[in-house]
Amino acid sequence: IAINEIYARHGLIFNDPDLSAYFEACSWYRPSLTYDDFESEVQFNKVE
């Protein structure tokens, strides 16, 4: 979860049903990017 919540913060839409269900239950999660879009549009900060 800790690894994937970094991605979830940036709106990654998860293909894994368990991860998808977990993050959909989080009030802060805003799914907006597929894996392909995520790779081209998101850049993690140095801490992430």
ModelCIF file with pLDDT and N, C-alpha, C, O atoms, coordinates in Angstrom:
data_MODEL
#
_entry.id   MODEL 
#
_entity.id                         1 
_entity.type                       polymer 
_entity.pdbx_number_of_molecules   1 
#
_entity_poly.entity_id                      1 
_entity_poly.type                           'polypeptide(L)' 
_entity_poly.nstd_linkage                   no 
_entity_poly.nstd_monomer                   no 
_entity_poly.pdbx_seq_one_letter_code       IAINEIYARHGLIFNDPDLSAYFEACSWYRPSLTYDDFESEVQFNKVE 
_entity_poly.pdbx_seq_one_letter_code_can   IAINEIYARHGLIFNDPDLSAYFEACSWYRPSLTYDDFESEVQFNKVE 
_entity_poly.pdbx_strand_id                 A 
#
loop_
_entity_poly_seq.entity_id 
_entity_poly_seq.num 
_entity_poly_seq.mon_id 
_entity_poly_seq.hetero 
1 1  ILE n 
1 2  ALA n 
1 3  ILE n 
1 4  ASN n 
1 5  GLU n 
1 6  ILE n 
1 7  TYR n 
1 8  ALA n 
1 9  ARG n 
1 10 HIS n 
1 11 GLY n 
1 12 LEU n 
1 13 ILE n 
1 14 PHE n 
1 15 ASN n 
1 16 ASP n 
1 17 PRO n 
1 18 ASP n 
1 19 LEU n 
1 20 SER n 
1 21 ALA n 
1 22 TYR n 
1 23 PHE n 
1 24 GLU n 
1 25 ALA n 
1 26 CYS n 
1 27 SER n 
1 28 TRP n 
1 29 TYR n 
1 30 ARG n 
1 31 PRO n 
1 32 SER n 
1 33 LEU n 
1 34 THR n 
1 35 TYR n 
1 36 ASP n 
1 37 ASP n 
1 38 PHE n 
1 39 GLU n 
1 40 SER n 
1 41 GLU n 
1 42 VAL n 
1 43 GLN n 
1 44 PHE n 
1 45 ASN n 
1 46 LYS n 
1 47 VAL n 
1 48 GLU n 
#
_struct_asym.id          A 
_struct_asym.entity_id   1 
#
loop_
_ma_qa_metric.id 
_ma_qa_metric.mode 
_ma_qa_metric.name 
_ma_qa_metric.software_group_id 
_ma_qa_metric.type 
1 global pLDDT . pLDDT 
2 local  pLDDT . pLDDT 
#
_ma_qa_metric_global.metric_id      1 
_ma_qa_metric_global.metric_value   92.94 
_ma_qa_metric_global.model_id       1 
_ma_qa_metric_global.ordinal_id     1 
#
loop_
_ma_qa_metric_local.label_asym_id 
_ma_qa_metric_local.label_comp_id 
_ma_qa_metric_local.label_seq_id 
_ma_qa_metric_local.metric_id 
_ma_qa_metric_local.metric_value 
_ma_qa_metric_local.model_id 
_ma_qa_metric_local.ordinal_id 
A ILE 1  2 95.00 1 1  
A ALA 2  2 95.00 1 2  
A ILE 3  2 96.00 1 3  
A ASN 4  2 96.00 1 4  
A GLU 5  2 96.00 1 5  
A ILE 6  2 95.00 1 6  
A TYR 7  2 95.00 1 7  
A ALA 8  2 95.00 1 8  
A ARG 9  2 93.00 1 9  
A HIS 10 2 93.00 1 10 
A GLY 11 2 94.00 1 11 
A LEU 12 2 95.00 1 12 
A ILE 13 2 95.00 1 13 
A PHE 14 2 95.00 1 14 
A ASN 15 2 94.00 1 15 
A ASP 16 2 94.00 1 16 
A PRO 17 2 94.00 1 17 
A ASP 18 2 94.00 1 18 
A LEU 19 2 94.00 1 19 
A SER 20 2 94.00 1 20 
A ALA 21 2 94.00 1 21 
A TYR 22 2 94.00 1 22 
A PHE 23 2 95.00 1 23 
A GLU 24 2 94.00 1 24 
A ALA 25 2 94.00 1 25 
A CYS 26 2 93.00 1 26 
A SER 27 2 92.00 1 27 
A TRP 28 2 92.00 1 28 
A TYR 29 2 94.00 1 29 
A ARG 30 2 94.00 1 30 
A PRO 31 2 95.00 1 31 
A SER 32 2 93.00 1 32 
A LEU 33 2 92.00 1 33 
A THR 34 2 92.00 1 34 
A TYR 35 2 88.00 1 35 
A ASP 36 2 89.00 1 36 
A ASP 37 2 90.00 1 37 
A PHE 38 2 88.00 1 38 
A GLU 39 2 85.00 1 39 
A SER 40 2 84.00 1 40 
A GLU 41 2 87.00 1 41 
A VAL 42 2 89.00 1 42 
A GLN 43 2 89.00 1 43 
A PHE 44 2 92.00 1 44 
A ASN 45 2 94.00 1 45 
A LYS 46 2 95.00 1 46 
A VAL 47 2 96.00 1 47 
A GLU 48 2 95.00 1 48 
#
loop_
_atom_site.group_PDB 
_atom_site.id 
_atom_site.type_symbol 
_atom_site.label_atom_id 
_atom_site.label_alt_id 
_atom_site.label_comp_id 
_atom_site.label_asym_id 
_atom_site.label_entity_id 
_atom_site.label_seq_id 
_atom_site.pdbx_PDB_ins_code 
_atom_site.Cartn_x 
_atom_site.Cartn_y 
_atom_site.Cartn_z 
_atom_site.occupancy 
_atom_site.B_iso_or_equiv 
_atom_site.pdbx_formal_charge 
_atom_site.auth_seq_id 
_atom_site.auth_comp_id 
_atom_site.auth_asym_id 
_atom_site.auth_atom_id 
_atom_site.pdbx_PDB_model_num 
ATOM 1   N N  . ILE A 1 1  ? 0.843   -1.203 0.000   1.00 95.00 ? 1  ILE A N  1 
ATOM 2   C CA . ILE A 1 1  ? 0.000   0.000  0.000   1.00 95.00 ? 1  ILE A CA 1 
ATOM 3   C C  . ILE A 1 1  ? 0.876   1.250  0.000   1.00 95.00 ? 1  ILE A C  1 
ATOM 4   O O  . ILE A 1 1  ? 0.596   2.200  -0.731  1.00 95.00 ? 1  ILE A O  1 
ATOM 5   N N  . ALA A 1 2  ? 1.927   1.259  0.807   1.00 95.00 ? 2  ALA A N  1 
ATOM 6   C CA . ALA A 1 2  ? 2.796   2.434  0.920   1.00 95.00 ? 2  ALA A CA 1 
ATOM 7   C C  . ALA A 1 2  ? 3.437   2.790  -0.422  1.00 95.00 ? 2  ALA A C  1 
ATOM 8   O O  . ALA A 1 2  ? 3.520   3.964  -0.783  1.00 95.00 ? 2  ALA A O  1 
ATOM 9   N N  . ILE A 1 3  ? 3.885   1.785  -1.151  1.00 96.00 ? 3  ILE A N  1 
ATOM 10  C CA . ILE A 1 3  ? 4.466   2.049  -2.472  1.00 96.00 ? 3  ILE A CA 1 
ATOM 11  C C  . ILE A 1 3  ? 3.402   2.664  -3.381  1.00 96.00 ? 3  ILE A C  1 
ATOM 12  O O  . ILE A 1 3  ? 3.636   3.679  -4.038  1.00 96.00 ? 3  ILE A O  1 
ATOM 13  N N  . ASN A 1 4  ? 2.251   2.038  -3.404  1.00 96.00 ? 4  ASN A N  1 
ATOM 14  C CA . ASN A 1 4  ? 1.209   2.456  -4.344  1.00 96.00 ? 4  ASN A CA 1 
ATOM 15  C C  . ASN A 1 4  ? 0.498   3.742  -3.951  1.00 96.00 ? 4  ASN A C  1 
ATOM 16  O O  . ASN A 1 4  ? -0.081  4.408  -4.809  1.00 96.00 ? 4  ASN A O  1 
ATOM 17  N N  . GLU A 1 5  ? 0.529   4.109  -2.666  1.00 96.00 ? 5  GLU A N  1 
ATOM 18  C CA . GLU A 1 5  ? -0.133  5.367  -2.302  1.00 96.00 ? 5  GLU A CA 1 
ATOM 19  C C  . GLU A 1 5  ? 0.635   6.576  -2.853  1.00 96.00 ? 5  GLU A C  1 
ATOM 20  O O  . GLU A 1 5  ? 0.051   7.644  -3.037  1.00 96.00 ? 5  GLU A O  1 
ATOM 21  N N  . ILE A 1 6  ? 1.908   6.420  -3.110  1.00 95.00 ? 6  ILE A N  1 
ATOM 22  C CA . ILE A 1 6  ? 2.660   7.501  -3.750  1.00 95.00 ? 6  ILE A CA 1 
ATOM 23  C C  . ILE A 1 6  ? 2.117   7.716  -5.163  1.00 95.00 ? 6  ILE A C  1 
ATOM 24  O O  . ILE A 1 6  ? 1.942   8.851  -5.606  1.00 95.00 ? 6  ILE A O  1 
ATOM 25  N N  . TYR A 1 7  ? 1.856   6.628  -5.854  1.00 95.00 ? 7  TYR A N  1 
ATOM 26  C CA . TYR A 1 7  ? 1.271   6.717  -7.193  1.00 95.00 ? 7  TYR A CA 1 
ATOM 27  C C  . TYR A 1 7  ? -0.180  7.205  -7.122  1.00 95.00 ? 7  TYR A C  1 
ATOM 28  O O  . TYR A 1 7  ? -0.614  8.005  -7.952  1.00 95.00 ? 7  TYR A O  1 
ATOM 29  N N  . ALA A 1 8  ? -0.910  6.728  -6.144  1.00 95.00 ? 8  ALA A N  1 
ATOM 30  C CA . ALA A 1 8  ? -2.317  7.108  -5.995  1.00 95.00 ? 8  ALA A CA 1 
ATOM 31  C C  . ALA A 1 8  ? -2.474  8.604  -5.736  1.00 95.00 ? 8  ALA A C  1 
ATOM 32  O O  . ALA A 1 8  ? -3.430  9.221  -6.205  1.00 95.00 ? 8  ALA A O  1 
ATOM 33  N N  . ARG A 1 9  ? -1.542  9.183  -4.992  1.00 93.00 ? 9  ARG A N  1 
ATOM 34  C CA . ARG A 1 9  ? -1.592  10.632 -4.737  1.00 93.00 ? 9  ARG A CA 1 
ATOM 35  C C  . ARG A 1 9  ? -1.614  11.439 -6.032  1.00 93.00 ? 9  ARG A C  1 
ATOM 36  O O  . ARG A 1 9  ? -2.165  12.538 -6.088  1.00 93.00 ? 9  ARG A O  1 
ATOM 37  N N  . HIS A 1 10 ? -1.007  10.872 -7.065  1.00 93.00 ? 10 HIS A N  1 
ATOM 38  C CA . HIS A 1 10 ? -0.934  11.559 -8.353  1.00 93.00 ? 10 HIS A CA 1 
ATOM 39  C C  . HIS A 1 10 ? -2.029  11.119 -9.317  1.00 93.00 ? 10 HIS A C  1 
ATOM 40  O O  . HIS A 1 10 ? -2.025  11.522 -10.480 1.00 93.00 ? 10 HIS A O  1 
ATOM 41  N N  . GLY A 1 11 ? -2.963  10.299 -8.851  1.00 94.00 ? 11 GLY A N  1 
ATOM 42  C CA . GLY A 1 11 ? -4.127  9.962  -9.655  1.00 94.00 ? 11 GLY A CA 1 
ATOM 43  C C  . GLY A 1 11 ? -4.037  8.726  -10.515 1.00 94.00 ? 11 GLY A C  1 
ATOM 44  O O  . GLY A 1 11 ? -4.858  8.553  -11.416 1.00 94.00 ? 11 GLY A O  1 
ATOM 45  N N  . LEU A 1 12 ? -3.061  7.848  -10.272 1.00 95.00 ? 12 LEU A N  1 
ATOM 46  C CA . LEU A 1 12 ? -2.969  6.630  -11.075 1.00 95.00 ? 12 LEU A CA 1 
ATOM 47  C C  . LEU A 1 12 ? -4.231  5.788  -10.915 1.00 95.00 ? 12 LEU A C  1 
ATOM 48  O O  . LEU A 1 12 ? -4.708  5.566  -9.803  1.00 95.00 ? 12 LEU A O  1 
ATOM 49  N N  . ILE A 1 13 ? -4.760  5.327  -12.042 1.00 95.00 ? 13 ILE A N  1 
ATOM 50  C CA . ILE A 1 13 ? -5.889  4.396  -12.039 1.00 95.00 ? 13 ILE A CA 1 
ATOM 51  C C  . ILE A 1 13 ? -5.291  2.993  -11.996 1.00 95.00 ? 13 ILE A C  1 
ATOM 52  O O  . ILE A 1 13 ? -4.555  2.600  -12.901 1.00 95.00 ? 13 ILE A O  1 
ATOM 53  N N  . PHE A 1 14 ? -5.605  2.243  -10.951 1.00 95.00 ? 14 PHE A N  1 
ATOM 54  C CA . PHE A 1 14 ? -5.003  0.925  -10.756 1.00 95.00 ? 14 PHE A CA 1 
ATOM 55  C C  . PHE A 1 14 ? -5.771  -0.148 -11.511 1.00 95.00 ? 14 PHE A C  1 
ATOM 56  O O  . PHE A 1 14 ? -7.002  -0.182 -11.488 1.00 95.00 ? 14 PHE A O  1 
ATOM 57  N N  . ASN A 1 15 ? -5.028  -1.024 -12.182 1.00 94.00 ? 15 ASN A N  1 
ATOM 58  C CA . ASN A 1 15 ? -5.626  -2.172 -12.865 1.00 94.00 ? 15 ASN A CA 1 
ATOM 59  C C  . ASN A 1 15 ? -5.900  -3.311 -11.895 1.00 94.00 ? 15 ASN A C  1 
ATOM 60  O O  . ASN A 1 15 ? -6.822  -4.102 -12.095 1.00 94.00 ? 15 ASN A O  1 
ATOM 61  N N  . ASP A 1 16 ? -5.098  -3.388 -10.849 1.00 94.00 ? 16 ASP A N  1 
ATOM 62  C CA . ASP A 1 16 ? -5.275  -4.431 -9.833  1.00 94.00 ? 16 ASP A CA 1 
ATOM 63  C C  . ASP A 1 16 ? -6.559  -4.142 -9.049  1.00 94.00 ? 16 ASP A C  1 
ATOM 64  O O  . ASP A 1 16 ? -6.689  -3.071 -8.456  1.00 94.00 ? 16 ASP A O  1 
ATOM 65  N N  . PRO A 1 17 ? -7.511  -5.088 -9.039  1.00 94.00 ? 17 PRO A N  1 
ATOM 66  C CA . PRO A 1 17 ? -8.794  -4.825 -8.377  1.00 94.00 ? 17 PRO A CA 1 
ATOM 67  C C  . PRO A 1 17 ? -8.676  -4.565 -6.867  1.00 94.00 ? 17 PRO A C  1 
ATOM 68  O O  . PRO A 1 17 ? -9.442  -3.775 -6.314  1.00 94.00 ? 17 PRO A O  1 
ATOM 69  N N  . ASP A 1 18 ? -7.727  -5.224 -6.203  1.00 94.00 ? 18 ASP A N  1 
ATOM 70  C CA . ASP A 1 18 ? -7.559  -5.004 -4.764  1.00 94.00 ? 18 ASP A CA 1 
ATOM 71  C C  . ASP A 1 18 ? -7.036  -3.596 -4.472  1.00 94.00 ? 18 ASP A C  1 
ATOM 72  O O  . ASP A 1 18 ? -7.540  -2.913 -3.581  1.00 94.00 ? 18 ASP A O  1 
ATOM 73  N N  . LEU A 1 19 ? -6.026  -3.170 -5.228  1.00 94.00 ? 19 LEU A N  1 
ATOM 74  C CA . LEU A 1 19 ? -5.501  -1.817 -5.044  1.00 94.00 ? 19 LEU A CA 1 
ATOM 75  C C  . LEU A 1 19 ? -6.543  -0.774 -5.419  1.00 94.00 ? 19 LEU A C  1 
ATOM 76  O O  . LEU A 1 19 ? -6.699  0.236  -4.734  1.00 94.00 ? 19 LEU A O  1 
ATOM 77  N N  . SER A 1 20 ? -7.248  -1.023 -6.500  1.00 94.00 ? 20 SER A N  1 
ATOM 78  C CA . SER A 1 20 ? -8.289  -0.095 -6.937  1.00 94.00 ? 20 SER A CA 1 
ATOM 79  C C  . SER A 1 20 ? -9.351  0.061  -5.852  1.00 94.00 ? 20 SER A C  1 
ATOM 80  O O  . SER A 1 20 ? -9.736  1.183  -5.523  1.00 94.00 ? 20 SER A O  1 
ATOM 81  N N  . ALA A 1 21 ? -9.823  -1.041 -5.299  1.00 94.00 ? 21 ALA A N  1 
ATOM 82  C CA . ALA A 1 21 ? -10.843 -0.989 -4.243  1.00 94.00 ? 21 ALA A CA 1 
ATOM 83  C C  . ALA A 1 21 ? -10.315 -0.284 -2.999  1.00 94.00 ? 21 ALA A C  1 
ATOM 84  O O  . ALA A 1 21 ? -11.028 0.499  -2.372  1.00 94.00 ? 21 ALA A O  1 
ATOM 85  N N  . TYR A 1 22 ? -9.064  -0.564 -2.646  1.00 94.00 ? 22 TYR A N  1 
ATOM 86  C CA . TYR A 1 22 ? -8.480  0.059  -1.461  1.00 94.00 ? 22 TYR A CA 1 
ATOM 87  C C  . TYR A 1 22 ? -8.454  1.579  -1.612  1.00 94.00 ? 22 TYR A C  1 
ATOM 88  O O  . TYR A 1 22 ? -8.925  2.305  -0.736  1.00 94.00 ? 22 TYR A O  1 
ATOM 89  N N  . PHE A 1 23 ? -7.902  2.053  -2.722  1.00 95.00 ? 23 PHE A N  1 
ATOM 90  C CA . PHE A 1 23 ? -7.747  3.500  -2.889  1.00 95.00 ? 23 PHE A CA 1 
ATOM 91  C C  . PHE A 1 23 ? -9.068  4.195  -3.178  1.00 95.00 ? 23 PHE A C  1 
ATOM 92  O O  . PHE A 1 23 ? -9.241  5.357  -2.809  1.00 95.00 ? 23 PHE A O  1 
ATOM 93  N N  . GLU A 1 24 ? -10.003 3.514  -3.829  1.00 94.00 ? 24 GLU A N  1 
ATOM 94  C CA . GLU A 1 24 ? -11.327 4.107  -4.049  1.00 94.00 ? 24 GLU A CA 1 
ATOM 95  C C  . GLU A 1 24 ? -12.014 4.422  -2.715  1.00 94.00 ? 24 GLU A C  1 
ATOM 96  O O  . GLU A 1 24 ? -12.853 5.319  -2.643  1.00 94.00 ? 24 GLU A O  1 
ATOM 97  N N  . ALA A 1 25 ? -11.660 3.690  -1.674  1.00 94.00 ? 25 ALA A N  1 
ATOM 98  C CA . ALA A 1 25 ? -12.250 3.924  -0.348  1.00 94.00 ? 25 ALA A CA 1 
ATOM 99  C C  . ALA A 1 25 ? -11.600 5.103  0.388   1.00 94.00 ? 25 ALA A C  1 
ATOM 100 O O  . ALA A 1 25 ? -12.085 5.513  1.443   1.00 94.00 ? 25 ALA A O  1 
ATOM 101 N N  . CYS A 1 26 ? -10.520 5.643  -0.153  1.00 93.00 ? 26 CYS A N  1 
ATOM 102 C CA . CYS A 1 26 ? -9.829  6.778  0.469   1.00 93.00 ? 26 CYS A CA 1 
ATOM 103 C C  . CYS A 1 26 ? -10.434 8.087  -0.020  1.00 93.00 ? 26 CYS A C  1 
ATOM 104 O O  . CYS A 1 26 ? -10.595 8.289  -1.223  1.00 93.00 ? 26 CYS A O  1 
ATOM 105 N N  . SER A 1 27 ? -10.769 8.972  0.907   1.00 92.00 ? 27 SER A N  1 
ATOM 106 C CA . SER A 1 27 ? -11.430 10.224 0.544   1.00 92.00 ? 27 SER A CA 1 
ATOM 107 C C  . SER A 1 27 ? -10.574 11.124 -0.338  1.00 92.00 ? 27 SER A C  1 
ATOM 108 O O  . SER A 1 27 ? -11.111 11.934 -1.093  1.00 92.00 ? 27 SER A O  1 
ATOM 109 N N  . TRP A 1 28 ? -9.271  10.998 -0.256  1.00 92.00 ? 28 TRP A N  1 
ATOM 110 C CA . TRP A 1 28 ? -8.359  11.884 -0.984  1.00 92.00 ? 28 TRP A CA 1 
ATOM 111 C C  . TRP A 1 28 ? -8.053  11.405 -2.403  1.00 92.00 ? 28 TRP A C  1 
ATOM 112 O O  . TRP A 1 28 ? -7.532  12.172 -3.213  1.00 92.00 ? 28 TRP A O  1 
ATOM 113 N N  . TYR A 1 29 ? -8.369  10.160 -2.710  1.00 94.00 ? 29 TYR A N  1 
ATOM 114 C CA . TYR A 1 29 ? -7.965  9.565  -3.992  1.00 94.00 ? 29 TYR A CA 1 
ATOM 115 C C  . TYR A 1 29 ? -8.817  10.110 -5.136  1.00 94.00 ? 29 TYR A C  1 
ATOM 116 O O  . TYR A 1 29 ? -10.046 10.065 -5.086  1.00 94.00 ? 29 TYR A O  1 
ATOM 117 N N  . ARG A 1 30 ? -8.146  10.623 -6.167  1.00 94.00 ? 30 ARG A N  1 
ATOM 118 C CA . ARG A 1 30 ? -8.803  11.147 -7.360  1.00 94.00 ? 30 ARG A CA 1 
ATOM 119 C C  . ARG A 1 30 ? -8.230  10.447 -8.592  1.00 94.00 ? 30 ARG A C  1 
ATOM 120 O O  . ARG A 1 30 ? -7.296  10.959 -9.208  1.00 94.00 ? 30 ARG A O  1 
ATOM 121 N N  . PRO A 1 31 ? -8.782  9.267  -8.965  1.00 95.00 ? 31 PRO A N  1 
ATOM 122 C CA . PRO A 1 31 ? -8.241  8.534  -10.113 1.00 95.00 ? 31 PRO A CA 1 
ATOM 123 C C  . PRO A 1 31 ? -8.421  9.337  -11.400 1.00 95.00 ? 31 PRO A C  1 
ATOM 124 O O  . PRO A 1 31 ? -9.527  9.774  -11.719 1.00 95.00 ? 31 PRO A O  1 
ATOM 125 N N  . SER A 1 32 ? -7.329  9.525  -12.132 1.00 93.00 ? 32 SER A N  1 
ATOM 126 C CA . SER A 1 32 ? -7.431  10.345 -13.339 1.00 93.00 ? 32 SER A CA 1 
ATOM 127 C C  . SER A 1 32 ? -6.501  9.922  -14.471 1.00 93.00 ? 32 SER A C  1 
ATOM 128 O O  . SER A 1 32 ? -6.679  10.363 -15.606 1.00 93.00 ? 32 SER A O  1 
ATOM 129 N N  . LEU A 1 33 ? -5.512  9.076  -14.185 1.00 92.00 ? 33 LEU A N  1 
ATOM 130 C CA . LEU A 1 33 ? -4.518  8.746  -15.204 1.00 92.00 ? 33 LEU A CA 1 
ATOM 131 C C  . LEU A 1 33 ? -4.325  7.244  -15.358 1.00 92.00 ? 33 LEU A C  1 
ATOM 132 O O  . LEU A 1 33 ? -4.151  6.526  -14.374 1.00 92.00 ? 33 LEU A O  1 
ATOM 133 N N  . THR A 1 34 ? -4.358  6.775  -16.607 1.00 92.00 ? 34 THR A N  1 
ATOM 134 C CA . THR A 1 34 ? -4.016  5.383  -16.880 1.00 92.00 ? 34 THR A CA 1 
ATOM 135 C C  . THR A 1 34 ? -2.503  5.232  -16.733 1.00 92.00 ? 34 THR A C  1 
ATOM 136 O O  . THR A 1 34 ? -1.784  6.224  -16.613 1.00 92.00 ? 34 THR A O  1 
ATOM 137 N N  . TYR A 1 35 ? -2.031  4.002  -16.742 1.00 88.00 ? 35 TYR A N  1 
ATOM 138 C CA . TYR A 1 35 ? -0.585  3.775  -16.634 1.00 88.00 ? 35 TYR A CA 1 
ATOM 139 C C  . TYR A 1 35 ? 0.181   4.520  -17.735 1.00 88.00 ? 35 TYR A C  1 
ATOM 140 O O  . TYR A 1 35 ? 1.197   5.160  -17.465 1.00 88.00 ? 35 TYR A O  1 
ATOM 141 N N  . ASP A 1 36 ? -0.309  4.431  -18.970 1.00 89.00 ? 36 ASP A N  1 
ATOM 142 C CA . ASP A 1 36 ? 0.386   5.088  -20.084 1.00 89.00 ? 36 ASP A CA 1 
ATOM 143 C C  . ASP A 1 36 ? 0.440   6.598  -19.895 1.00 89.00 ? 36 ASP A C  1 
ATOM 144 O O  . ASP A 1 36 ? 1.491   7.212  -20.079 1.00 89.00 ? 36 ASP A O  1 
ATOM 145 N N  . ASP A 1 37 ? -0.686  7.194  -19.529 1.00 90.00 ? 37 ASP A N  1 
ATOM 146 C CA . ASP A 1 37 ? -0.721  8.640  -19.303 1.00 90.00 ? 37 ASP A CA 1 
ATOM 147 C C  . ASP A 1 37 ? 0.132   9.025  -18.106 1.00 90.00 ? 37 ASP A C  1 
ATOM 148 O O  . ASP A 1 37 ? 0.798   10.061 -18.111 1.00 90.00 ? 37 ASP A O  1 
ATOM 149 N N  . PHE A 1 38 ? 0.105   8.185  -17.082 1.00 88.00 ? 38 PHE A N  1 
ATOM 150 C CA . PHE A 1 38 ? 0.853   8.463  -15.861 1.00 88.00 ? 38 PHE A CA 1 
ATOM 151 C C  . PHE A 1 38 ? 2.342   8.599  -16.148 1.00 88.00 ? 38 PHE A C  1 
ATOM 152 O O  . PHE A 1 38 ? 2.989   9.537  -15.684 1.00 88.00 ? 38 PHE A O  1 
ATOM 153 N N  . GLU A 1 39 ? 2.877   7.660  -16.912 1.00 85.00 ? 39 GLU A N  1 
ATOM 154 C CA . GLU A 1 39 ? 4.310   7.666  -17.221 1.00 85.00 ? 39 GLU A CA 1 
ATOM 155 C C  . GLU A 1 39 ? 4.739   8.917  -17.969 1.00 85.00 ? 39 GLU A C  1 
ATOM 156 O O  . GLU A 1 39 ? 5.853   9.402  -17.775 1.00 85.00 ? 39 GLU A O  1 
ATOM 157 N N  . SER A 1 40 ? 3.871   9.442  -18.818 1.00 84.00 ? 40 SER A N  1 
ATOM 158 C CA . SER A 1 40 ? 4.249   10.620 -19.607 1.00 84.00 ? 40 SER A CA 1 
ATOM 159 C C  . SER A 1 40 ? 3.907   11.943 -18.924 1.00 84.00 ? 40 SER A C  1 
ATOM 160 O O  . SER A 1 40 ? 4.472   12.978 -19.280 1.00 84.00 ? 40 SER A O  1 
ATOM 161 N N  . GLU A 1 41 ? 2.999   11.932 -17.958 1.00 87.00 ? 41 GLU A N  1 
ATOM 162 C CA . GLU A 1 41 ? 2.533   13.189 -17.371 1.00 87.00 ? 41 GLU A CA 1 
ATOM 163 C C  . GLU A 1 41 ? 2.991   13.465 -15.953 1.00 87.00 ? 41 GLU A C  1 
ATOM 164 O O  . GLU A 1 41 ? 2.978   14.620 -15.528 1.00 87.00 ? 41 GLU A O  1 
ATOM 165 N N  . VAL A 1 42 ? 3.395   12.449 -15.203 1.00 89.00 ? 42 VAL A N  1 
ATOM 166 C CA . VAL A 1 42 ? 3.708   12.637 -13.791 1.00 89.00 ? 42 VAL A CA 1 
ATOM 167 C C  . VAL A 1 42 ? 5.200   12.518 -13.550 1.00 89.00 ? 42 VAL A C  1 
ATOM 168 O O  . VAL A 1 42 ? 5.864   11.616 -14.060 1.00 89.00 ? 42 VAL A O  1 
ATOM 169 N N  . GLN A 1 43 ? 5.702   13.437 -12.771 1.00 89.00 ? 43 GLN A N  1 
ATOM 170 C CA . GLN A 1 43 ? 7.091   13.368 -12.340 1.00 89.00 ? 43 GLN A CA 1 
ATOM 171 C C  . GLN A 1 43 ? 7.100   13.484 -10.818 1.00 89.00 ? 43 GLN A C  1 
ATOM 172 O O  . GLN A 1 43 ? 6.672   14.496 -10.264 1.00 89.00 ? 43 GLN A O  1 
ATOM 173 N N  . PHE A 1 44 ? 7.587   12.444 -10.148 1.00 92.00 ? 44 PHE A N  1 
ATOM 174 C CA . PHE A 1 44 ? 7.683   12.467 -8.695  1.00 92.00 ? 44 PHE A CA 1 
ATOM 175 C C  . PHE A 1 44 ? 8.704   13.501 -8.253  1.00 92.00 ? 44 PHE A C  1 
ATOM 176 O O  . PHE A 1 44 ? 9.677   13.766 -8.959  1.00 92.00 ? 44 PHE A O  1 
ATOM 177 N N  . ASN A 1 45 ? 8.474   14.092 -7.069  1.00 94.00 ? 45 ASN A N  1 
ATOM 178 C CA . ASN A 1 45 ? 9.502   14.967 -6.516  1.00 94.00 ? 45 ASN A CA 1 
ATOM 179 C C  . ASN A 1 45 ? 10.634  14.087 -5.964  1.00 94.00 ? 45 ASN A C  1 
ATOM 180 O O  . ASN A 1 45 ? 10.497  12.865 -5.914  1.00 94.00 ? 45 ASN A O  1 
ATOM 181 N N  . LYS A 1 46 ? 11.735  14.694 -5.556  1.00 95.00 ? 46 LYS A N  1 
ATOM 182 C CA . LYS A 1 46 ? 12.913  13.939 -5.106  1.00 95.00 ? 46 LYS A CA 1 
ATOM 183 C C  . LYS A 1 46 ? 12.615  13.072 -3.886  1.00 95.00 ? 46 LYS A C  1 
ATOM 184 O O  . LYS A 1 46 ? 13.150  11.969 -3.768  1.00 95.00 ? 46 LYS A O  1 
ATOM 185 N N  . VAL A 1 47 ? 11.782  13.550 -2.994  1.00 96.00 ? 47 VAL A N  1 
ATOM 186 C CA . VAL A 1 47 ? 11.418  12.776 -1.796  1.00 96.00 ? 47 VAL A CA 1 
ATOM 187 C C  . VAL A 1 47 ? 10.631  11.539 -2.205  1.00 96.00 ? 47 VAL A C  1 
ATOM 188 O O  . VAL A 1 47 ? 10.918  10.435 -1.740  1.00 96.00 ? 47 VAL A O  1 
ATOM 189 N N  . GLU A 1 48 ? 9.638   11.719 -3.076  1.00 95.00 ? 48 GLU A N  1 
ATOM 190 C CA . GLU A 1 48 ? 8.853   10.582 -3.545  1.00 95.00 ? 48 GLU A CA 1 
ATOM 191 C C  . GLU A 1 48 ? 9.741   9.573  -4.273  1.00 95.00 ? 48 GLU A C  1 
ATOM 192 O O  . GLU A 1 48 ? 9.252   8.544  -4.741  1.00 95.00 ? 48 GLU A O  1 
#
